[in-house]
Amino acid sequence: MAASIPPSSTGSAKLDGLVQKASANTPEKLSGLALYSRFALAGAICCSVTHGGLTPVDVVKTRIQLDPVTYNKGMIGGFRQVIKNEGYGALATGFGPTAAGYFLQGAFKFGGYELFKQQCINYLGYETASNNRTAVYLASSALAEFFADIALCPLEATRIRLVSEPTFASGLLSGFGKIYKQEGFGAFYSGFGPILFKQVPYTMAKFVVYEKVAEAVYQRVDKSKTSDGMQTVINLGSGLMAGFAAALVSQPADTMLSKINKTKGLPGEGTTSRLIKIAKELGLRGSYTGIGARLFMVGTLTAGQFAIYGDIKKFLGATGGVEISK
């Protein structure tokens, strides 16, 4: 009696062998926790590496924002002033809270963005989500950033205090402990309003511009035929444009955040009243103090983030995400 043909068989032993070989060489697409944990890890690494590496630029940028009278010679001049007055070591001030804070923030931001984007697709349906992808990008990035900032805010407050007052503490743990002991847990979130005001528009601009620029490039270049190296270059270029847009959108709130975390408020003075007072003192022009340094910093780190994020995702096999670009 002839053997029955397996349901998945093509009817040809030779073709069956080729299909099995191809299936064995095709990596299994991940989903659920296995996928999104990889997105989160890739985001954590890319943000920690880029923000940590640009700590010296952030030190100078923060000094310019907090003391524009003294640091009035631009970014290059600011570097020279810090080195002359405090030595090269001052440029690494705040590295600990920067690296740790943005590791957490990157995990929530990139992992959350991919998760919320998928939830939008599930809720709206693929076609509707694709036709309204700009709104999906904006909503997903805003939600992801909200949760990311809850994790980031205490470490960002510690970083700014260390940079603005070099003698305040010797590092992350001592600075964190001193703020908690002297001012209470609420001090870590005194800048939560401005950090949301800064980071949510920043992240919305960052992701939507990146997606749009990358989409425009891949409309002219076949992504399936593009080498890994060229994809990294495209990620760098798209990230650079995204960084410039994000820096311009969020600069006023970044300046206010530096100001509000520099010193504790007066007795009985609320965060809202402090923000209003700072905004009046700064004015529109003052709120863009240090924009040159920040454009350089944010453009560089955003380009690096998307390039690193894309490469780490490939390395981890995180290829199960759904794309809605056309």
Protein backbone atom coordinates (compact mmCIF):
# COMPACT_ATOMS: atom_id res chain seq x y z
CA MET A 1 0.00 0.00 0.00
CA ALA A 2 1.43 3.39 -1.01
CA ALA A 3 2.49 5.74 1.78
CA SER A 4 0.24 8.75 2.28
CA ILE A 5 1.60 12.17 1.43
CA PRO A 6 2.10 14.46 4.45
CA PRO A 7 -0.30 17.45 4.50
CA SER A 8 2.60 19.90 4.12
CA SER A 9 4.19 17.96 1.29
CA THR A 10 4.48 19.38 -2.22
CA GLY A 11 4.24 15.90 -3.66
CA SER A 12 7.90 15.94 -4.64
CA ALA A 13 10.61 14.59 -2.37
CA LYS A 14 13.15 17.00 -3.91
CA LEU A 15 10.94 20.04 -3.43
CA ASP A 16 10.08 18.93 0.11
CA GLY A 17 13.79 18.84 0.91
CA LEU A 18 14.32 22.36 -0.43
CA VAL A 19 11.34 23.69 1.54
CA GLN A 20 12.60 22.10 4.76
CA LYS A 21 16.08 23.52 4.20
CA ALA A 22 14.70 27.01 3.57
CA SER A 23 12.52 26.79 6.68
CA ALA A 24 15.50 25.73 8.78
CA ASN A 25 17.50 28.75 7.56
CA THR A 26 14.67 31.24 8.18
CA PRO A 27 14.84 32.73 11.68
CA GLU A 28 11.66 32.33 13.68
CA LYS A 29 9.86 35.62 14.24
CA LEU A 30 9.57 36.57 17.88
CA SER A 31 6.44 37.89 19.54
CA GLY A 32 5.13 38.90 22.95
CA LEU A 33 7.54 39.34 25.85
CA ALA A 34 10.43 37.76 23.94
CA LEU A 35 10.11 40.46 21.25
CA TYR A 36 9.36 43.54 23.31
CA SER A 37 12.01 42.78 25.94
CA ARG A 38 14.53 42.85 23.08
CA PHE A 39 13.16 46.17 21.85
CA ALA A 40 13.49 47.51 25.40
CA LEU A 41 17.07 46.23 25.81
CA ALA A 42 18.11 47.68 22.44
CA GLY A 43 16.55 51.02 23.41
CA ALA A 44 18.19 50.98 26.84
CA ILE A 45 21.64 50.36 25.38
CA CYS A 46 21.37 52.91 22.58
CA CYS A 47 20.16 55.69 24.91
CA SER A 48 22.64 54.94 27.70
CA VAL A 49 25.62 54.79 25.32
CA THR A 50 24.75 57.96 23.40
CA HIS A 51 23.70 60.13 26.35
CA GLY A 52 26.59 58.88 28.47
CA GLY A 53 29.07 59.51 25.67
CA LEU A 54 27.84 63.07 25.24
CA THR A 55 28.05 63.94 28.95
CA PRO A 56 30.78 66.60 28.32
CA VAL A 57 28.53 68.39 25.79
CA ASP A 58 25.63 68.22 28.23
CA VAL A 59 27.78 69.69 31.01
CA VAL A 60 28.68 72.70 28.86
CA LYS A 61 25.10 73.08 27.58
CA THR A 62 23.73 73.06 31.14
CA ARG A 63 26.31 75.61 32.31
CA ILE A 64 25.39 77.94 29.44
CA GLN A 65 21.69 77.64 30.33
CA LEU A 66 22.20 78.20 34.06
CA ASP A 67 24.86 80.94 33.90
CA PRO A 68 24.77 82.64 30.48
CA VAL A 69 26.59 85.71 31.85
CA THR A 70 29.71 83.68 32.66
CA TYR A 71 29.43 81.09 29.89
CA ASN A 72 28.83 83.46 26.99
CA LYS A 73 31.36 82.25 24.43
CA GLY A 74 29.40 79.48 22.76
CA MET A 75 29.95 75.76 22.94
CA ILE A 76 33.68 75.67 22.11
CA GLY A 77 34.35 78.60 24.41
CA GLY A 78 32.29 76.91 27.11
CA PHE A 79 34.46 73.80 26.90
CA ARG A 80 37.58 75.92 27.33
CA GLN A 81 36.09 77.78 30.30
CA VAL A 82 35.08 74.59 32.13
CA ILE A 83 38.48 72.97 31.55
CA LYS A 84 40.36 76.12 32.59
CA ASN A 85 38.33 76.69 35.76
CA GLU A 86 37.73 73.11 36.91
CA GLY A 87 39.91 70.75 34.91
CA TYR A 88 39.07 68.02 32.40
CA GLY A 89 37.36 65.89 35.05
CA ALA A 90 34.52 68.41 35.32
CA LEU A 91 33.36 67.43 31.82
CA ALA A 92 32.41 63.99 33.17
CA THR A 93 30.25 65.43 35.96
CA GLY A 94 26.91 63.64 36.08
CA PHE A 95 27.99 60.67 33.96
CA GLY A 96 26.58 58.14 36.46
CA PRO A 97 23.01 59.46 36.64
CA THR A 98 23.06 60.19 32.92
CA ALA A 99 24.01 56.64 31.92
CA ALA A 100 21.70 55.00 34.48
CA GLY A 101 18.77 57.35 33.90
CA TYR A 102 18.81 57.03 30.14
CA PHE A 103 19.25 53.26 30.31
CA LEU A 104 15.88 53.11 32.07
CA GLN A 105 14.35 55.81 29.92
CA GLY A 106 15.52 54.18 26.70
CA ALA A 107 13.98 50.85 27.67
CA PHE A 108 10.59 52.43 28.31
CA LYS A 109 10.82 54.81 25.34
CA PHE A 110 11.79 52.44 22.54
CA GLY A 111 10.17 49.33 23.98
CA GLY A 112 7.03 51.28 24.82
CA TYR A 113 6.90 52.91 21.39
CA GLU A 114 6.98 49.54 19.64
CA LEU A 115 4.41 48.12 22.07
CA PHE A 116 1.94 51.00 21.80
CA LYS A 117 2.35 51.11 18.03
CA GLN A 118 1.38 47.44 17.88
CA GLN A 119 -1.59 48.08 20.19
CA CYS A 120 -2.79 50.85 17.86
CA ILE A 121 -2.54 48.46 14.92
CA ASN A 122 -4.47 45.80 16.82
CA TYR A 123 -7.18 48.28 17.81
CA LEU A 124 -7.54 50.15 14.51
CA GLY A 125 -6.69 47.39 12.08
CA TYR A 126 -3.67 47.41 9.79
CA GLU A 127 -5.16 49.44 6.93
CA THR A 128 -6.61 52.16 9.17
CA ALA A 129 -3.39 52.38 11.19
CA SER A 130 -1.32 52.60 8.00
CA ASN A 131 -3.54 55.32 6.53
CA ASN A 132 -3.29 57.29 9.77
CA ARG A 133 0.29 56.34 10.63
CA THR A 134 1.39 59.87 11.61
CA ALA A 135 -1.25 59.90 14.36
CA VAL A 136 -0.18 56.38 15.40
CA TYR A 137 3.47 57.48 15.62
CA LEU A 138 2.55 60.55 17.68
CA ALA A 139 0.23 58.74 20.10
CA SER A 140 2.58 55.78 20.59
CA SER A 141 5.62 57.96 21.25
CA ALA A 142 3.73 60.26 23.65
CA LEU A 143 2.47 57.33 25.75
CA ALA A 144 5.88 55.66 25.79
CA GLU A 145 7.62 58.86 26.85
CA PHE A 146 5.18 59.49 29.71
CA PHE A 147 6.14 56.22 31.38
CA ALA A 148 9.81 56.68 30.48
CA ASP A 149 9.90 60.03 32.27
CA ILE A 150 8.59 58.52 35.51
CA ALA A 151 11.76 56.41 35.52
CA LEU A 152 14.08 59.19 34.30
CA CYS A 153 13.02 62.16 36.46
CA PRO A 154 14.81 61.33 39.77
CA LEU A 155 18.10 60.60 38.01
CA GLU A 156 17.82 63.68 35.79
CA ALA A 157 17.22 65.86 38.88
CA THR A 158 20.35 64.38 40.46
CA ARG A 159 22.39 64.94 37.29
CA ILE A 160 21.42 68.59 36.99
CA ARG A 161 22.21 69.23 40.66
CA LEU A 162 25.67 67.65 40.26
CA VAL A 163 26.41 69.68 37.12
CA SER A 164 25.11 72.99 38.47
CA GLU A 165 26.76 72.53 41.89
CA PRO A 166 30.01 70.57 41.39
CA THR A 167 30.67 70.47 45.15
CA PHE A 168 27.17 69.18 46.03
CA ALA A 169 28.15 65.50 46.02
CA SER A 170 30.80 63.14 44.65
CA GLY A 171 28.54 61.05 42.41
CA LEU A 172 25.19 59.44 41.68
CA LEU A 173 24.57 57.57 44.94
CA SER A 174 25.78 60.31 47.26
CA GLY A 175 23.93 62.99 45.30
CA PHE A 176 20.72 60.98 45.21
CA GLY A 177 20.92 60.29 48.93
CA LYS A 178 21.69 63.92 49.82
CA ILE A 179 18.71 65.28 47.86
CA TYR A 180 16.41 62.71 49.46
CA LYS A 181 17.70 63.47 52.97
CA GLN A 182 17.62 67.25 52.67
CA GLU A 183 14.56 67.85 50.48
CA GLY A 184 12.49 64.66 50.51
CA PHE A 185 11.31 62.33 47.75
CA GLY A 186 9.16 65.05 46.16
CA ALA A 187 12.28 66.99 45.17
CA PHE A 188 13.08 64.32 42.57
CA TYR A 189 9.81 65.10 40.81
CA SER A 190 9.83 68.90 41.13
CA GLY A 191 10.85 68.94 37.49
CA PHE A 192 8.34 66.29 36.34
CA GLY A 193 6.07 68.89 34.73
CA PRO A 194 8.84 70.52 32.70
CA ILE A 195 10.43 67.16 31.88
CA LEU A 196 7.10 66.03 30.40
CA PHE A 197 6.75 69.38 28.65
CA LYS A 198 10.24 68.87 27.25
CA GLN A 199 10.43 65.13 26.60
CA VAL A 200 6.94 64.35 25.25
CA PRO A 201 7.08 66.87 22.33
CA TYR A 202 10.75 65.95 21.89
CA THR A 203 9.98 62.25 21.53
CA MET A 204 6.92 62.83 19.35
CA ALA A 205 8.98 64.95 16.94
CA LYS A 206 11.88 62.49 17.13
CA PHE A 207 9.91 59.39 16.15
CA VAL A 208 7.56 60.94 13.60
CA VAL A 209 10.38 62.75 11.74
CA TYR A 210 12.55 59.63 11.83
CA GLU A 211 9.71 57.47 10.47
CA LYS A 212 8.84 59.99 7.74
CA VAL A 213 12.44 60.51 6.58
CA ALA A 214 13.16 56.76 6.56
CA GLU A 215 9.90 56.15 4.69
CA ALA A 216 10.84 58.75 2.07
CA VAL A 217 14.23 57.09 1.57
CA TYR A 218 12.81 53.58 1.26
CA GLN A 219 10.29 54.76 -1.30
CA ARG A 220 13.32 55.31 -3.54
CA VAL A 221 15.45 52.40 -2.31
CA ASP A 222 14.33 48.76 -2.04
CA LYS A 223 14.81 47.95 1.64
CA SER A 224 14.87 44.18 0.97
CA LYS A 225 17.90 44.69 -1.29
CA THR A 226 19.67 47.22 0.94
CA SER A 227 22.79 46.02 2.75
CA ASP A 228 23.04 46.13 6.53
CA GLY A 229 25.68 48.84 6.27
CA MET A 230 23.49 51.03 4.07
CA GLN A 231 20.53 50.54 6.42
CA THR A 232 22.73 51.80 9.26
CA VAL A 233 23.63 54.88 7.18
CA ILE A 234 19.94 55.51 6.46
CA ASN A 235 19.18 55.19 10.18
CA LEU A 236 21.95 57.69 10.94
CA GLY A 237 20.69 60.24 8.41
CA SER A 238 17.05 59.87 9.43
CA GLY A 239 18.03 60.12 13.09
CA LEU A 240 20.05 63.30 12.48
CA MET A 241 17.04 65.05 10.92
CA ALA A 242 14.84 63.77 13.74
CA GLY A 243 17.29 65.09 16.32
CA PHE A 244 17.35 68.60 14.87
CA ALA A 245 13.54 68.75 14.87
CA ALA A 246 13.30 67.38 18.41
CA ALA A 247 15.88 69.86 19.76
CA LEU A 248 14.06 72.89 18.34
CA VAL A 249 10.68 71.74 19.65
CA SER A 250 11.85 71.00 23.19
CA GLN A 251 14.52 73.65 23.85
CA PRO A 252 12.39 76.07 25.98
CA ALA A 253 11.34 73.28 28.34
CA ASP A 254 14.92 71.98 28.53
CA THR A 255 16.12 75.40 29.72
CA MET A 256 13.31 75.61 32.30
CA LEU A 257 14.13 72.11 33.54
CA SER A 258 17.75 73.09 34.11
CA LYS A 259 16.65 76.20 35.99
CA ILE A 260 14.10 74.51 38.26
CA ASN A 261 16.50 71.72 39.25
CA LYS A 262 19.40 74.07 39.94
CA THR A 263 18.15 75.04 43.39
CA LYS A 264 15.24 74.16 45.65
CA GLY A 265 12.24 76.48 45.71
CA LEU A 266 11.36 78.99 48.42
CA PRO A 267 9.29 77.76 51.40
CA GLY A 268 5.67 77.31 50.29
CA GLU A 269 6.50 77.95 46.62
CA GLY A 270 4.83 75.42 44.31
CA THR A 271 6.25 73.98 41.11
CA THR A 272 3.69 75.81 38.93
CA SER A 273 4.50 79.21 40.42
CA ARG A 274 8.21 78.52 40.03
CA LEU A 275 7.74 77.62 36.36
CA ILE A 276 5.72 80.78 35.68
CA LYS A 277 8.39 82.90 37.35
CA ILE A 278 11.21 81.22 35.39
CA ALA A 279 9.32 81.60 32.10
CA LYS A 280 8.83 85.34 32.71
CA GLU A 281 12.49 85.79 33.59
CA LEU A 282 13.70 83.92 30.51
CA GLY A 283 11.41 85.19 27.77
CA LEU A 284 11.38 83.51 24.35
CA ARG A 285 14.95 84.48 23.49
CA GLY A 286 16.30 83.39 26.85
CA SER A 287 14.54 80.04 26.58
CA TYR A 288 16.67 79.23 23.52
CA THR A 289 19.93 79.90 25.33
CA GLY A 290 22.40 77.15 24.46
CA ILE A 291 20.49 76.01 21.35
CA GLY A 292 23.70 75.65 19.32
CA ALA A 293 25.20 73.16 21.78
CA ARG A 294 21.88 71.35 22.07
CA LEU A 295 21.39 71.05 18.28
CA PHE A 296 24.82 69.46 18.04
CA MET A 297 24.20 67.24 21.02
CA VAL A 298 20.66 66.08 20.19
CA GLY A 299 21.34 65.68 16.46
CA THR A 300 24.41 63.55 17.17
CA LEU A 301 22.88 61.38 19.88
CA THR A 302 19.59 60.82 18.02
CA ALA A 303 21.44 59.74 14.88
CA GLY A 304 23.55 57.40 17.01
CA GLN A 305 20.52 56.07 18.86
CA PHE A 306 18.62 54.99 15.77
CA ALA A 307 21.73 53.49 14.18
CA ILE A 308 22.62 51.52 17.34
CA TYR A 309 18.99 50.58 17.97
CA GLY A 310 18.58 49.16 14.47
CA ASP A 311 21.82 47.17 14.65
CA ILE A 312 21.11 45.75 18.12
CA LYS A 313 17.59 44.73 17.08
CA LYS A 314 19.08 42.74 14.20
CA PHE A 315 21.69 41.19 16.50
CA LEU A 316 19.02 40.15 19.00
CA GLY A 317 16.75 38.82 16.27
CA ALA A 318 14.00 41.32 17.11
CA THR A 319 12.44 41.25 13.65
CA GLY A 320 8.80 40.61 14.56
CA GLY A 321 7.61 44.22 14.66
CA VAL A 322 4.90 45.40 12.29
CA GLU A 323 5.71 48.26 9.92
CA ILE A 324 2.91 50.55 8.74
CA SER A 325 4.93 52.82 6.46
CA LYS A 326 4.08 52.76 2.76
